[in-house]
Amino acid sequence: MIDLMRLLIALHRLRSVSRAAEELDLSQPATSLALARLRKAIGDDLFIRTSHGMLPTSRCEELVGIAEQAIKAIDVAVTKQAAFDPGTRVANSC
């Protein structure tokens, strides 16, 4: 699900499936399929296609903020370095 949230964030920022695909190093068809899965999982269109690009729905706007915070928290937790204590030979959380 985290990959779908990253996709949601990229689509929200770029307003284009093709540009989001390029940024995420995915094919355009794979990105379209992932958006379809996300729409089905959320139960909302998330984006409405217009002549000016993809406009987010209100549900999309709500989810993007939550997704950004969650991914940031996960990234921090994953990249957090444990301090090594040579006296115990165990890595301790900082």
Protein backbone atom coordinates (compact mmCIF):
# COMPACT_ATOMS: atom_id res chain seq x y z
CA MET A 1 0.00 0.00 0.00
CA ILE A 2 2.93 2.36 0.60
CA ASP A 3 3.78 2.27 -3.11
CA LEU A 4 0.22 3.27 -3.93
CA MET A 5 0.46 6.16 -1.47
CA ARG A 6 3.69 7.31 -3.13
CA LEU A 7 1.83 7.16 -6.44
CA LEU A 8 -1.05 9.21 -5.01
CA ILE A 9 1.37 11.88 -3.82
CA ALA A 10 3.18 12.02 -7.18
CA LEU A 11 -0.09 12.23 -9.12
CA HIS A 12 -1.34 14.97 -6.83
CA ARG A 13 1.83 17.02 -7.32
CA LEU A 14 2.31 16.39 -11.03
CA ARG A 15 -1.33 16.08 -12.19
CA SER A 16 -0.24 13.63 -14.90
CA VAL A 17 -0.10 9.83 -15.05
CA SER A 18 2.74 9.95 -17.58
CA ARG A 19 4.89 12.33 -15.52
CA ALA A 20 4.19 10.41 -12.30
CA ALA A 21 5.16 7.18 -14.06
CA GLU A 22 8.43 8.72 -15.21
CA GLU A 23 9.22 10.08 -11.74
CA LEU A 24 8.46 6.73 -10.08
CA ASP A 25 10.35 4.79 -12.77
CA LEU A 26 7.24 2.91 -13.86
CA SER A 27 5.63 2.39 -17.23
CA GLN A 28 2.58 4.49 -18.03
CA PRO A 29 0.31 1.39 -18.25
CA ALA A 30 1.57 0.09 -14.89
CA THR A 31 0.89 3.50 -13.34
CA SER A 32 -2.62 3.59 -14.79
CA LEU A 33 -3.31 0.11 -13.41
CA ALA A 34 -1.96 1.11 -9.99
CA LEU A 35 -4.23 4.17 -10.00
CA ALA A 36 -7.18 1.91 -10.83
CA ARG A 37 -6.27 -0.36 -7.87
CA LEU A 38 -5.98 2.67 -5.61
CA ARG A 39 -9.34 4.03 -6.77
CA LYS A 40 -10.97 0.67 -6.09
CA ALA A 41 -9.35 0.32 -2.65
CA ILE A 42 -10.35 3.86 -1.60
CA GLY A 43 -13.76 3.83 -3.28
CA ASP A 44 -13.26 7.24 -4.85
CA ASP A 45 -12.19 8.52 -8.29
CA LEU A 46 -9.41 10.50 -6.56
CA PHE A 47 -8.77 12.54 -9.72
CA ILE A 48 -11.10 13.97 -12.35
CA ARG A 49 -9.62 14.34 -15.82
CA THR A 50 -10.09 17.84 -17.25
CA SER A 51 -8.64 19.83 -20.13
CA HIS A 52 -6.21 21.33 -17.58
CA GLY A 53 -4.98 18.01 -16.23
CA MET A 54 -6.12 15.82 -13.40
CA LEU A 55 -7.94 17.62 -10.60
CA PRO A 56 -8.01 15.93 -7.18
CA THR A 57 -11.27 15.13 -5.45
CA SER A 58 -11.83 16.30 -1.89
CA ARG A 59 -11.15 12.73 -0.68
CA CYS A 60 -7.84 12.79 -2.56
CA GLU A 61 -6.87 16.08 -0.94
CA GLU A 62 -7.60 14.58 2.47
CA LEU A 63 -5.59 11.41 1.78
CA VAL A 64 -2.53 13.16 0.33
CA GLY A 65 -1.80 15.02 3.56
CA ILE A 66 -2.17 11.84 5.60
CA ALA A 67 -0.06 9.84 3.13
CA GLU A 68 2.74 12.42 3.17
CA GLN A 69 2.91 12.35 6.97
CA ALA A 70 2.81 8.54 7.11
CA ILE A 71 5.53 8.07 4.49
CA LYS A 72 7.73 10.66 6.17
CA ALA A 73 7.34 8.83 9.50
CA ILE A 74 8.15 5.49 7.88
CA ASP A 75 11.19 6.93 6.08
CA VAL A 76 12.50 8.40 9.35
CA ALA A 77 11.97 5.11 11.21
CA VAL A 78 13.68 3.07 8.50
CA THR A 79 16.67 5.36 8.12
CA LYS A 80 17.16 5.95 11.84
CA GLN A 81 20.61 4.72 12.78
CA ALA A 82 21.03 2.71 15.94
CA ALA A 83 23.98 3.67 18.14
CA PHE A 84 26.39 0.83 18.76
CA ASP A 85 27.42 0.32 22.37
CA PRO A 86 30.70 -1.66 22.34
CA GLY A 87 30.21 -2.54 26.02
CA THR A 88 27.05 -4.49 25.31
CA ARG A 89 27.75 -5.32 21.64
CA VAL A 90 24.18 -4.36 20.93
CA ALA A 91 22.82 -1.55 18.84
CA ASN A 92 20.73 0.79 20.96
CA SER A 93 18.08 3.07 19.61
CA CYS A 94 19.00 6.78 19.76
